[in-house]
């Protein structure tokens, strides 16, 4: 230990021995090396004598003790330090031993970035604490592993936004993002998967109607303003209807308040008829609205029963339930209703032909119309929606804005907005987005070359190729 401290005292720049000897610290470097070599040599001799002594007395297994293992490691480190300080090694590897210079501005940039991150976290924490005061969540278990969460307080956000839900009694240190059905008051429809959602469904099933202390941070998301379009086509699969119901309800309220002329085509695909109870109030509101074309598909034929009916919705067409109002399977794309005026809601069984349905909806539009297409659901459903949108994005079609969101349970995340105005009949430029992981087309769009506005924003797991 004395030799090691001696070596360090000769090495440091502010050593008291340098002024006592009348030399600067770099002039006493030879003394530092002598002290260092002596320390390394003493350590090696100590280790060698210990090995011989333990071997002669039959205690070689004592080297397995933690303190002896640490001593062997320290000895090897000293040996490496000694070799690296030799003149021939230093001359051949000087660049590796040299401390690289760096710009001091990089430290300032990193500090600035850290401050931005800290400010964002602090702001979100402040919002969460503010929304925690007097806020409670009522959990209602629904069919097919879903939970309806209704908060006491409202949240200022745009339709289709999402917010981070925090229920400390279920997960103290976790907040999770979910799409809002309504923001006044705040409501969510959450499907059970695993982790937090599994615990949430278990709590709702064991304590239905119980008020849980909670908070919410939001809303977030850049969703287009669908109220500015002449016609809106909304397609959803399963719990993805949370997004489309939020958009549709906001348009309905806006039209009733200001007298806008937005027409809505609402397509919803569910596995079980019981799932319709997830949005019973929203379905009733859309049914009572004459400018909403409501089409619902139930894909599992063997589960349509009397219990799945929604009595509040069956008013104008008698007292039949969903099962009796189901229309035949149109998977082959055969048209069942050719009326331009929106009929009563159609409940159909089987899997829909999404491209055909979108073609029918877009065929009602004139060239001057602005059409907004919104979709949310599994990735397979969104692939069909892209196909249907691309069929009508031609030079003689209406202006189309396409926005979609992928269900969190899907394997990939996409966010695409397509704005086309193809009224001029000019040469087209075609873009194709492909997923390199699954090798399937994500969408094929043709955009007019000289348009007033043509934008494509994409975040995909893949590449964009110009054809």
Protein backbone atom coordinates (compact mmCIF):
# COMPACT_ATOMS: atom_id res chain seq x y z
CA UNK A 1 0.00 0.00 0.00
CA UNK A 2 2.88 2.35 0.79
CA UNK A 3 4.46 1.76 -2.62
CA UNK A 4 1.13 2.30 -4.38
CA UNK A 5 0.53 5.61 -2.63
CA UNK A 6 4.11 6.59 -3.40
CA UNK A 7 3.49 6.03 -7.10
CA UNK A 8 0.32 8.11 -7.02
CA UNK A 9 2.01 10.96 -5.18
CA UNK A 10 4.59 11.26 -7.95
CA UNK A 11 1.98 11.16 -10.69
CA UNK A 12 -0.57 13.84 -9.72
CA UNK A 13 0.01 17.31 -11.13
CA UNK A 14 -0.44 19.03 -7.80
CA UNK A 15 1.93 16.81 -5.84
CA UNK A 16 3.67 18.48 -2.90
CA UNK A 17 6.91 16.64 -3.79
CA UNK A 18 7.34 18.53 -7.07
CA UNK A 19 7.98 21.97 -5.50
CA UNK A 20 10.06 20.39 -2.70
CA UNK A 21 12.37 18.87 -5.30
CA UNK A 22 12.47 22.04 -7.35
CA UNK A 23 11.00 20.34 -10.42
CA UNK A 24 7.65 20.26 -12.15
CA UNK A 25 5.41 17.20 -12.02
CA UNK A 26 6.51 15.92 -15.46
CA UNK A 27 10.15 15.94 -14.38
CA UNK A 28 9.49 13.52 -11.54
CA UNK A 29 7.77 11.05 -13.85
CA UNK A 30 10.75 8.60 -13.73
CA UNK A 31 10.31 8.40 -9.95
CA UNK A 32 6.62 7.66 -10.52
CA UNK A 33 7.49 4.81 -12.88
CA UNK A 34 10.05 3.36 -10.46
CA UNK A 35 7.52 3.38 -7.65
CA UNK A 36 4.91 1.82 -9.93
CA UNK A 37 7.19 -0.96 -11.17
CA UNK A 38 8.22 -1.70 -7.60
CA UNK A 39 4.55 -2.01 -6.59
CA UNK A 40 3.80 -4.37 -9.47
CA UNK A 41 6.89 -6.48 -8.79
CA UNK A 42 6.01 -6.73 -5.09
CA UNK A 43 2.46 -7.77 -5.92
CA UNK A 44 3.65 -10.51 -8.29
CA UNK A 45 6.14 -11.83 -5.71
CA UNK A 46 3.40 -11.82 -3.07
CA UNK A 47 1.08 -13.77 -5.34
CA UNK A 48 3.75 -16.30 -6.32
CA UNK A 49 4.74 -16.96 -2.68
CA UNK A 50 1.07 -17.36 -1.71
CA UNK A 51 0.48 -19.94 -4.45
CA UNK A 52 3.57 -21.96 -3.40
CA UNK A 53 2.63 -21.84 0.28
CA UNK A 54 -1.00 -22.91 -0.27
CA UNK A 55 0.14 -25.70 -2.59
CA UNK A 56 2.67 -27.16 -0.13
CA UNK A 57 0.10 -27.19 2.70
CA UNK A 58 -2.68 -28.61 0.55
CA UNK A 59 -4.88 -25.53 0.79
CA UNK A 60 -4.93 -24.59 -2.89
CA UNK A 61 -8.75 -24.52 -2.78
CA UNK A 62 -8.52 -21.35 -0.68
CA UNK A 63 -8.02 -19.44 -3.93
CA UNK A 64 -11.75 -19.93 -4.50
CA UNK A 65 -12.49 -17.56 -1.63
CA UNK A 66 -13.79 -14.14 -2.78
CA UNK A 67 -10.91 -12.20 -1.21
CA UNK A 68 -8.28 -14.34 -2.97
CA UNK A 69 -10.14 -14.14 -6.29
CA UNK A 70 -10.19 -10.35 -5.94
CA UNK A 71 -6.43 -10.38 -5.24
CA UNK A 72 -5.70 -12.43 -8.37
CA UNK A 73 -7.77 -10.07 -10.51
CA UNK A 74 -5.99 -7.05 -9.01
CA UNK A 75 -2.63 -8.66 -9.71
CA UNK A 76 -3.47 -9.21 -13.38
CA UNK A 77 -4.66 -5.62 -13.66
CA UNK A 78 -1.37 -4.38 -12.21
CA UNK A 79 0.53 -6.55 -14.69
CA UNK A 80 -1.42 -5.08 -17.61
CA UNK A 81 -0.77 -1.55 -16.29
CA UNK A 82 2.95 -2.31 -16.08
CA UNK A 83 3.14 -3.60 -19.66
CA UNK A 84 1.13 -0.64 -21.01
CA UNK A 85 3.55 1.83 -19.38
CA UNK A 86 6.69 0.43 -21.06
CA UNK A 87 8.37 2.71 -23.58
CA UNK A 88 8.02 0.44 -26.63
CA UNK A 89 4.31 -0.05 -25.94
CA UNK A 90 3.66 3.66 -25.38
CA UNK A 91 5.39 4.66 -28.65
CA UNK A 92 3.49 2.14 -30.75
CA UNK A 93 0.09 2.85 -29.15
CA UNK A 94 0.31 6.51 -28.32
CA UNK A 95 -2.98 7.43 -30.05
CA UNK A 96 -4.84 4.85 -27.98
CA UNK A 97 -3.46 6.27 -24.73
CA UNK A 98 -4.09 9.86 -25.75
CA UNK A 99 -7.15 11.52 -24.24
CA UNK A 100 -9.20 12.76 -27.15
CA UNK A 101 -10.30 16.37 -27.23
CA UNK A 102 -13.98 17.23 -27.47
CA UNK A 103 -15.93 20.37 -28.11
CA UNK A 104 -17.31 22.00 -24.99
CA UNK A 105 -20.40 22.99 -26.94
CA UNK A 106 -21.50 19.34 -27.00
CA UNK A 107 -21.87 19.48 -23.22
CA UNK A 108 -24.10 22.53 -23.52
CA UNK A 109 -26.22 20.83 -26.20
CA UNK A 110 -26.68 17.72 -24.06
CA UNK A 111 -27.57 19.82 -21.03
CA UNK A 112 -30.12 21.74 -23.14
CA UNK A 113 -31.67 18.49 -24.39
CA UNK A 114 -31.81 17.13 -20.85
CA UNK A 115 -33.54 20.33 -19.73
CA UNK A 116 -36.15 19.94 -22.46
CA UNK A 117 -36.81 16.35 -21.41
CA UNK A 118 -37.02 17.32 -17.75
CA UNK A 119 -39.35 20.23 -18.54
CA UNK A 120 -41.66 17.94 -20.52
CA UNK A 121 -41.76 15.42 -17.68
CA UNK A 122 -42.35 18.14 -15.13
CA UNK A 123 -45.19 19.62 -17.20
CA UNK A 124 -46.83 16.21 -17.63
CA UNK A 125 -46.45 15.49 -13.92
CA UNK A 126 -48.09 18.82 -13.11
CA UNK A 127 -51.04 18.02 -15.40
CA UNK A 128 -51.40 14.57 -13.87
CA UNK A 129 -51.43 16.01 -10.35
CA UNK A 130 -53.93 18.70 -11.36
CA UNK A 131 -56.31 16.16 -12.90
CA UNK A 132 -55.93 13.89 -9.88
CA UNK A 133 -57.80 16.30 -7.59
CA UNK A 134 -61.40 15.12 -7.20
CA UNK A 135 -61.14 12.67 -10.06
CA UNK A 136 -62.58 9.18 -9.87
CA UNK A 137 -62.99 6.40 -12.43
CA UNK A 138 -65.98 4.06 -12.61
CA UNK A 139 -65.04 0.68 -14.12
CA UNK A 140 -67.78 -1.28 -15.90
CA UNK A 141 -66.93 -4.76 -17.22
CA UNK A 142 -68.23 -5.43 -20.72
CA UNK A 143 -68.47 -8.42 -23.05
CA UNK A 144 -65.43 -10.03 -24.68
CA UNK A 145 -62.92 -8.76 -22.11
CA UNK A 146 -63.63 -5.04 -22.43
CA UNK A 147 -63.85 -2.38 -19.73
CA UNK A 148 -65.71 0.91 -19.96
CA UNK A 149 -63.90 3.57 -17.91
CA UNK A 150 -65.79 6.75 -17.08
CA UNK A 151 -64.03 9.58 -15.28
CA UNK A 152 -65.65 12.27 -13.19
CA UNK A 153 -63.70 15.16 -14.68
CA UNK A 154 -63.60 16.34 -18.29
CA UNK A 155 -60.58 16.85 -20.50
CA UNK A 156 -59.99 19.52 -23.13
CA UNK A 157 -58.88 17.77 -26.31
CA UNK A 158 -59.82 17.12 -29.94
CA UNK A 159 -61.96 14.13 -31.02
CA UNK A 160 -59.91 11.01 -31.62
CA UNK A 161 -57.16 12.06 -29.22
CA UNK A 162 -55.62 9.76 -26.67
CA UNK A 163 -54.69 10.30 -23.05
CA UNK A 164 -52.53 8.57 -20.46
CA UNK A 165 -54.63 6.94 -17.75
CA UNK A 166 -53.26 6.55 -14.22
CA UNK A 167 -55.02 4.47 -11.57
CA UNK A 168 -52.58 4.16 -8.65
CA UNK A 169 -54.62 1.49 -6.87
CA UNK A 170 -54.07 -0.84 -9.84
CA UNK A 171 -50.59 0.17 -11.06
CA UNK A 172 -48.86 2.81 -8.94
CA UNK A 173 -45.96 3.69 -11.25
CA UNK A 174 -47.57 3.16 -14.67
CA UNK A 175 -49.57 5.33 -17.03
CA UNK A 176 -50.92 3.94 -20.29
CA UNK A 177 -52.32 5.68 -23.40
CA UNK A 178 -55.88 4.97 -24.55
CA UNK A 179 -58.14 6.64 -27.11
CA UNK A 180 -60.91 8.77 -25.67
CA UNK A 181 -64.51 8.02 -26.59
CA UNK A 182 -65.65 11.28 -25.07
CA UNK A 183 -63.90 14.12 -23.30
CA UNK A 184 -66.89 15.55 -21.42
CA UNK A 185 -66.66 13.64 -19.17
CA UNK A 186 -63.61 11.59 -20.11
CA UNK A 187 -64.44 8.03 -21.16
CA UNK A 188 -62.41 5.09 -22.44
CA UNK A 189 -63.19 1.65 -23.84
CA UNK A 190 -60.27 -0.66 -23.07
CA UNK A 191 -59.80 -4.26 -24.24
CA UNK A 192 -58.07 -6.79 -22.02
CA UNK A 193 -54.70 -8.01 -23.30
CA UNK A 194 -52.07 -8.36 -20.57
CA UNK A 195 -50.27 -6.32 -17.95
CA UNK A 196 -52.21 -3.23 -16.93
CA UNK A 197 -55.29 -3.99 -19.04
CA UNK A 198 -55.55 -7.46 -17.51
CA UNK A 199 -55.38 -6.00 -14.01
CA UNK A 200 -57.92 -3.35 -14.98
CA UNK A 201 -60.42 -5.92 -16.26
CA UNK A 202 -59.93 -8.06 -13.15
CA UNK A 203 -60.60 -5.05 -10.91
CA UNK A 204 -63.71 -4.14 -12.92
CA UNK A 205 -65.05 -7.69 -12.75
CA UNK A 206 -64.44 -8.04 -9.01
CA UNK A 207 -65.67 -4.53 -8.10
CA UNK A 208 -68.14 -3.34 -10.77
CA UNK A 209 -69.24 0.25 -10.30
CA UNK A 210 -66.57 1.04 -7.71
CA UNK A 211 -65.04 4.51 -7.82
CA UNK A 212 -61.24 4.44 -8.14
CA UNK A 213 -58.98 7.43 -7.56
CA UNK A 214 -57.36 8.27 -10.88
CA UNK A 215 -55.84 10.91 -13.07
CA UNK A 216 -55.35 11.49 -16.76
CA UNK A 217 -52.73 13.25 -18.87
CA UNK A 218 -53.79 14.39 -22.32
CA UNK A 219 -54.96 14.74 -24.88
CA UNK A 220 -52.35 13.87 -27.43
CA UNK A 221 -52.40 13.04 -31.12
CA UNK A 222 -52.58 14.87 -34.42
CA UNK A 223 -55.97 13.92 -35.87
CA UNK A 224 -57.35 15.77 -38.91
CA UNK A 225 -60.42 17.93 -38.43
CA UNK A 226 -63.04 15.69 -40.03
CA UNK A 227 -65.74 18.35 -39.63
CA UNK A 228 -64.28 20.29 -42.55
CA UNK A 229 -65.06 17.53 -45.07
CA UNK A 230 -68.22 17.15 -47.12
CA UNK A 231 -68.34 13.41 -46.53
CA UNK A 232 -66.67 11.24 -43.90
CA UNK A 233 -66.14 7.48 -44.16
CA UNK A 234 -65.21 5.78 -40.90
CA UNK A 235 -64.11 2.13 -40.72
CA UNK A 236 -63.34 0.33 -37.47
CA UNK A 237 -62.62 -3.17 -36.27
CA UNK A 238 -63.36 -4.28 -32.70
CA UNK A 239 -62.26 -1.85 -30.01
CA UNK A 240 -60.80 0.39 -32.72
CA UNK A 241 -64.31 1.85 -32.90
CA UNK A 242 -63.31 3.99 -29.92
CA UNK A 243 -61.56 6.27 -32.40
CA UNK A 244 -64.33 6.31 -35.03
CA UNK A 245 -67.19 6.76 -32.53
CA UNK A 246 -65.37 9.75 -31.08
CA UNK A 247 -65.07 11.31 -34.54
CA UNK A 248 -68.66 10.51 -35.53
CA UNK A 249 -70.18 11.82 -32.29
CA UNK A 250 -68.30 15.10 -32.60
CA UNK A 251 -69.52 15.56 -36.18
CA UNK A 252 -73.11 14.82 -35.15
CA UNK A 253 -73.00 17.38 -32.35
CA UNK A 254 -71.32 19.94 -34.62
CA UNK A 255 -73.97 19.49 -37.31
CA UNK A 256 -76.82 19.82 -34.83
CA UNK A 257 -75.27 22.96 -33.32
CA UNK A 258 -74.12 24.78 -36.47
CA UNK A 259 -76.08 23.13 -39.26
CA UNK A 260 -73.15 21.75 -41.27
CA UNK A 261 -73.77 19.34 -44.16
CA UNK A 262 -71.30 16.54 -43.39
CA UNK A 263 -72.48 13.07 -44.44
CA UNK A 264 -71.15 10.04 -42.54
CA UNK A 265 -70.67 6.43 -43.63
CA UNK A 266 -69.93 4.37 -40.52
CA UNK A 267 -68.69 0.77 -40.91
CA UNK A 268 -67.96 -1.33 -37.83
CA UNK A 269 -66.77 -4.94 -37.77
CA UNK A 270 -67.04 -6.96 -34.53
CA UNK A 271 -66.58 -10.62 -33.69
CA UNK A 272 -69.59 -11.04 -31.40
CA UNK A 273 -72.97 -9.37 -31.26
CA UNK A 274 -72.47 -8.84 -27.53
CA UNK A 275 -69.71 -6.36 -28.41
CA UNK A 276 -72.36 -3.93 -29.66
CA UNK A 277 -73.14 -3.12 -26.03
CA UNK A 278 -69.73 -1.49 -25.74
CA UNK A 279 -71.11 1.61 -27.45
CA UNK A 280 -74.87 1.31 -26.84
CA UNK A 281 -75.37 5.04 -26.24
CA UNK A 282 -73.22 6.07 -29.18
CA UNK A 283 -75.00 3.60 -31.47
CA UNK A 284 -78.36 4.98 -30.42
CA UNK A 285 -77.17 8.52 -31.17
CA UNK A 286 -75.96 7.54 -34.63
CA UNK A 287 -79.14 5.59 -35.37
CA UNK A 288 -81.30 8.60 -34.59
CA UNK A 289 -79.23 10.77 -36.94
CA UNK A 290 -80.60 10.73 -40.53
CA UNK A 291 -77.33 11.68 -42.24
CA UNK A 292 -75.40 8.69 -40.85
CA UNK A 293 -75.21 5.48 -42.88
CA UNK A 294 -74.56 2.85 -40.21
CA UNK A 295 -73.38 -0.63 -41.25
CA UNK A 296 -72.34 -3.23 -38.67
CA UNK A 297 -70.81 -6.64 -39.37
CA UNK A 298 -70.83 -9.53 -36.89
CA UNK A 299 -68.25 -12.08 -38.06
CA UNK A 300 -69.06 -14.95 -35.67
CA UNK A 301 -72.38 -16.38 -36.83
CA UNK A 302 -72.89 -18.77 -33.94
CA UNK A 303 -73.03 -16.11 -31.25
CA UNK A 304 -75.86 -13.92 -32.49
CA UNK A 305 -78.59 -14.28 -29.90
CA UNK A 306 -81.49 -12.54 -28.23
CA UNK A 307 -79.23 -11.35 -25.41
CA UNK A 308 -77.12 -9.39 -27.86
CA UNK A 309 -79.91 -7.02 -28.92
CA UNK A 310 -79.97 -3.40 -27.91
CA UNK A 311 -83.60 -2.52 -27.05
CA UNK A 312 -82.99 1.21 -27.12
CA UNK A 313 -81.97 1.03 -30.78
CA UNK A 314 -84.97 -0.93 -32.00
CA UNK A 315 -87.67 1.68 -32.35
CA UNK A 316 -88.54 2.56 -35.91
CA UNK A 317 -88.39 -0.94 -37.38
CA UNK A 318 -90.32 -2.90 -34.77
CA UNK A 319 -88.97 -4.95 -31.89
CA UNK A 320 -86.74 -7.39 -33.75
CA UNK A 321 -83.30 -8.06 -32.37
CA UNK A 322 -79.94 -7.96 -34.08
CA UNK A 323 -80.17 -11.56 -35.18
CA UNK A 324 -83.40 -10.97 -37.08
CA UNK A 325 -82.05 -7.84 -38.78
CA UNK A 326 -78.87 -9.48 -40.03
CA UNK A 327 -78.54 -9.40 -43.78
CA UNK A 328 -76.82 -12.16 -45.69
CA UNK A 329 -73.11 -12.46 -46.08
CA UNK A 330 -71.78 -10.12 -48.76
CA UNK A 331 -68.21 -11.31 -48.66
CA UNK A 332 -68.28 -11.66 -52.41
CA UNK A 333 -69.15 -7.99 -52.69
CA UNK A 334 -72.77 -8.25 -53.85
CA UNK A 335 -74.78 -5.13 -53.23
CA UNK A 336 -77.75 -5.53 -50.87
CA UNK A 337 -79.13 -2.01 -50.65
CA UNK A 338 -79.05 0.45 -53.49
CA UNK A 339 -80.90 3.33 -51.87
CA UNK A 340 -79.23 6.72 -51.84
CA UNK A 341 -81.16 7.82 -48.77
CA UNK A 342 -79.63 6.32 -45.67
CA UNK A 343 -81.76 3.40 -44.42
CA UNK A 344 -82.01 2.04 -40.91
CA UNK A 345 -78.78 0.55 -39.54
CA UNK A 346 -77.78 -2.64 -41.32
CA UNK A 347 -76.59 -5.58 -39.22
CA UNK A 348 -74.81 -8.07 -41.43
CA UNK A 349 -73.08 -11.32 -40.65
CA UNK A 350 -69.82 -12.53 -42.11
CA UNK A 351 -66.69 -10.68 -43.12
CA UNK A 352 -67.16 -7.52 -45.16
CA UNK A 353 -65.62 -6.67 -48.50
CA UNK A 354 -64.05 -3.40 -47.33
CA UNK A 355 -62.72 -2.21 -50.73
CA UNK A 356 -66.15 -2.73 -52.28
CA UNK A 357 -67.92 -0.88 -49.45
CA UNK A 358 -65.52 2.05 -49.74
CA UNK A 359 -66.03 2.14 -53.48
CA UNK A 360 -69.80 2.32 -52.92
CA UNK A 361 -69.41 5.12 -50.38
CA UNK A 362 -67.04 7.14 -52.55
CA UNK A 363 -69.19 6.64 -55.64
CA UNK A 364 -71.85 8.88 -54.04
CA UNK A 365 -69.39 11.79 -54.03
CA UNK A 366 -69.00 14.38 -56.72
CA UNK A 367 -65.70 15.66 -58.05
CA UNK A 368 -66.00 18.82 -55.95
CA UNK A 369 -66.50 16.96 -52.66
CA UNK A 370 -63.85 16.71 -50.00
CA UNK A 371 -63.85 13.24 -48.48
CA UNK A 372 -62.22 12.21 -45.22
CA UNK A 373 -61.53 8.52 -44.60
CA UNK A 374 -60.67 7.47 -41.06
CA UNK A 375 -59.89 3.94 -39.93
CA UNK A 376 -58.74 2.17 -36.81
CA UNK A 377 -58.38 -1.52 -36.11
CA UNK A 378 -56.20 -4.55 -36.84
CA UNK A 379 -53.54 -4.23 -39.50
CA UNK A 380 -55.34 -6.64 -41.86
CA UNK A 381 -58.44 -4.47 -41.84
CA UNK A 382 -56.38 -1.38 -42.55
CA UNK A 383 -54.77 -3.08 -45.53
CA UNK A 384 -58.22 -3.52 -47.06
CA UNK A 385 -59.07 0.11 -46.31
CA UNK A 386 -55.94 1.27 -48.13
CA UNK A 387 -56.88 -0.86 -51.08
CA UNK A 388 -60.36 0.64 -51.18
CA UNK A 389 -59.06 4.20 -50.91
CA UNK A 390 -56.51 3.67 -53.67
CA UNK A 391 -59.25 2.51 -56.05
CA UNK A 392 -60.90 5.93 -56.00
CA UNK A 393 -57.78 8.14 -55.74
CA UNK A 394 -57.78 8.70 -59.51
CA UNK A 395 -57.70 11.71 -61.77
CA UNK A 396 -61.51 11.97 -61.97
CA UNK A 397 -62.29 11.31 -58.31
CA UNK A 398 -62.92 13.58 -55.32
CA UNK A 399 -60.32 15.02 -53.01
CA UNK A 400 -59.51 12.35 -50.40
CA UNK A 401 -57.81 12.66 -47.02
CA UNK A 402 -56.93 9.32 -45.44
CA UNK A 403 -55.94 8.94 -41.79
CA UNK A 404 -55.63 5.71 -39.88
CA UNK A 405 -54.40 4.39 -36.57
CA UNK A 406 -53.34 0.85 -35.76
CA UNK A 407 -54.62 -0.99 -32.72
CA UNK A 408 -51.95 -1.23 -29.98
CA UNK A 409 -52.23 -5.02 -30.10
CA UNK A 410 -51.05 -5.13 -33.70
CA UNK A 411 -47.49 -6.05 -34.56
CA UNK A 412 -46.58 -2.78 -36.28
CA UNK A 413 -47.40 0.89 -35.97
CA UNK A 414 -48.34 3.08 -38.91
CA UNK A 415 -49.57 6.62 -39.26
CA UNK A 416 -50.37 7.78 -42.77
CA UNK A 417 -52.15 10.82 -44.13
CA UNK A 418 -52.86 11.01 -47.82
CA UNK A 419 -54.18 14.22 -49.36
CA UNK A 420 -55.06 14.12 -53.04
CA UNK A 421 -56.86 16.48 -55.32
CA UNK A 422 -57.18 14.68 -58.66
CA UNK A 423 -59.69 16.84 -60.51
CA UNK A 424 -57.31 18.17 -63.15
CA UNK A 425 -56.88 14.94 -65.13
CA UNK A 426 -53.12 15.39 -65.45
CA UNK A 427 -50.35 12.75 -65.49
CA UNK A 428 -50.08 10.82 -62.25
CA UNK A 429 -47.25 9.89 -59.94
CA UNK A 430 -47.70 6.57 -58.17
CA UNK A 431 -46.10 5.68 -54.85
CA UNK A 432 -46.09 2.29 -53.19
CA UNK A 433 -45.30 1.65 -49.54
CA UNK A 434 -44.09 -1.84 -48.68
CA UNK A 435 -43.50 -3.51 -45.35
CA UNK A 436 -40.07 -5.12 -45.48
CA UNK A 437 -40.84 -7.33 -42.47
CA UNK A 438 -44.00 -8.94 -43.86
CA UNK A 439 -43.40 -8.24 -47.57
CA UNK A 440 -46.99 -7.05 -48.10
CA UNK A 441 -48.16 -3.79 -49.73
CA UNK A 442 -49.10 -1.13 -47.22
CA UNK A 443 -50.81 1.00 -49.81
CA UNK A 444 -50.71 2.06 -53.40
CA UNK A 445 -51.69 5.65 -54.13
CA UNK A 446 -51.63 7.72 -57.30
CA UNK A 447 -51.32 11.43 -56.77
CA UNK A 448 -51.89 14.10 -59.40
CA UNK A 449 -48.67 15.70 -60.54
CA UNK A 450 -49.85 19.33 -60.46
CA UNK A 451 -52.24 19.55 -57.54
CA UNK A 452 -53.15 22.33 -55.20
CA UNK A 453 -52.10 20.17 -52.25
CA UNK A 454 -50.56 16.72 -52.26
CA UNK A 455 -48.89 15.44 -49.15
CA UNK A 456 -47.91 12.00 -47.93
CA UNK A 457 -46.77 11.56 -44.32
CA UNK A 458 -45.78 8.04 -43.32
CA UNK A 459 -44.19 6.29 -40.39
CA UNK A 460 -43.90 2.66 -41.41
CA UNK A 461 -41.64 -0.33 -40.88
CA UNK A 462 -40.50 -0.50 -44.44
CA UNK A 463 -39.40 1.47 -47.45
CA UNK A 464 -41.00 3.78 -49.99
CA UNK A 465 -40.38 2.97 -53.61
CA UNK A 466 -41.19 5.15 -56.62
CA UNK A 467 -42.70 3.11 -59.41
